[in-house]
Amino acid sequence: MVPRGYVPMVLVGDDEGGSEERRIMVRVEMLKEPCMAAVLEMAAQQFGYGQRGVLRIPCGADRFQQMVGRRAPLHR
């Protein structure tokens, strides 16, 4: 179940070039941040705008943290 105020995402890939998947929760407020716009654009380029279900992000957890900084701690 998704907690109120969060958006579920799946990070697809790992930081060594593999294909690991990690489910995270991101606070809705983070979606307005410019760093998240870059993450969402990357997802649109890789998977298209018609994703259904959980939003898939094409990067590993370390890269995601580098892109969004400490503003979006990873919640499982």
Protein backbone atom coordinates (compact mmCIF):
# COMPACT_ATOMS: atom_id res chain seq x y z
CA MET A 1 0.00 0.00 0.00
CA VAL A 2 1.25 3.46 -0.91
CA PRO A 3 1.31 5.94 1.99
CA ARG A 4 -0.61 9.17 1.49
CA GLY A 5 1.58 11.88 -0.02
CA TYR A 6 3.96 9.49 -1.78
CA VAL A 7 4.41 8.28 -5.37
CA PRO A 8 5.75 4.76 -5.93
CA MET A 9 8.64 4.41 -8.36
CA VAL A 10 10.86 1.55 -9.47
CA LEU A 11 14.54 2.23 -10.12
CA VAL A 12 15.52 -0.03 -13.02
CA GLY A 13 19.20 -0.83 -13.37
CA ASP A 14 22.08 -0.72 -10.98
CA ASP A 15 25.15 1.40 -10.84
CA GLU A 16 27.34 -1.34 -12.37
CA GLY A 17 25.24 -1.58 -15.55
CA GLY A 18 23.06 -4.52 -14.45
CA SER A 19 19.29 -4.80 -14.39
CA GLU A 20 18.40 -4.71 -10.69
CA GLU A 21 15.01 -3.22 -9.72
CA ARG A 22 14.39 -1.32 -6.50
CA ARG A 23 10.99 -0.01 -5.43
CA ILE A 24 11.02 3.38 -3.69
CA MET A 25 8.53 5.96 -2.47
CA VAL A 26 9.02 9.64 -3.31
CA ARG A 27 7.12 12.44 -1.60
CA VAL A 28 4.69 14.19 -3.95
CA GLU A 29 6.28 17.56 -3.12
CA MET A 30 9.51 16.35 -4.76
CA LEU A 31 7.86 16.21 -8.19
CA LYS A 32 8.04 20.02 -8.49
CA GLU A 33 11.82 20.09 -8.00
CA PRO A 34 13.96 20.73 -11.12
CA CYS A 35 16.10 17.68 -10.35
CA MET A 36 12.99 15.47 -10.53
CA ALA A 37 12.06 17.02 -13.89
CA ALA A 38 15.34 15.64 -15.25
CA VAL A 39 14.63 12.21 -13.73
CA LEU A 40 11.11 12.15 -15.20
CA GLU A 41 12.37 13.24 -18.63
CA MET A 42 14.92 10.42 -18.54
CA ALA A 43 12.08 7.98 -17.75
CA ALA A 44 9.96 9.36 -20.61
CA GLN A 45 12.83 8.96 -23.08
CA GLN A 46 13.50 5.37 -22.00
CA PHE A 47 9.96 4.06 -21.41
CA GLY A 48 7.66 6.63 -23.06
CA TYR A 49 4.88 8.75 -21.61
CA GLY A 50 2.34 5.92 -21.52
CA GLN A 51 3.69 4.01 -18.53
CA ARG A 52 0.99 2.24 -16.54
CA GLY A 53 1.24 1.33 -12.89
CA VAL A 54 4.40 2.13 -10.99
CA LEU A 55 6.61 4.75 -12.62
CA ARG A 56 9.86 3.18 -13.84
CA ILE A 57 13.05 5.25 -13.61
CA PRO A 58 16.07 4.04 -15.68
CA CYS A 59 18.84 4.34 -13.10
CA GLY A 60 20.20 2.70 -9.98
CA ALA A 61 19.76 3.92 -6.42
CA ASP A 62 23.19 5.58 -6.21
CA ARG A 63 22.67 7.52 -9.43
CA PHE A 64 19.14 8.52 -8.37
CA GLN A 65 20.53 9.88 -5.08
CA GLN A 66 23.21 11.81 -6.98
CA MET A 67 20.60 13.35 -9.28
CA VAL A 68 18.10 14.41 -6.63
CA GLY A 69 20.51 14.93 -3.74
CA ARG A 70 19.40 14.61 -0.15
CA ARG A 71 16.01 16.16 -0.92
CA ALA A 72 14.49 12.76 -1.65
CA PRO A 73 15.60 10.08 0.78
CA LEU A 74 14.78 6.60 -0.50
CA HIS A 75 11.84 4.97 1.25
CA ARG A 76 10.99 1.33 0.64
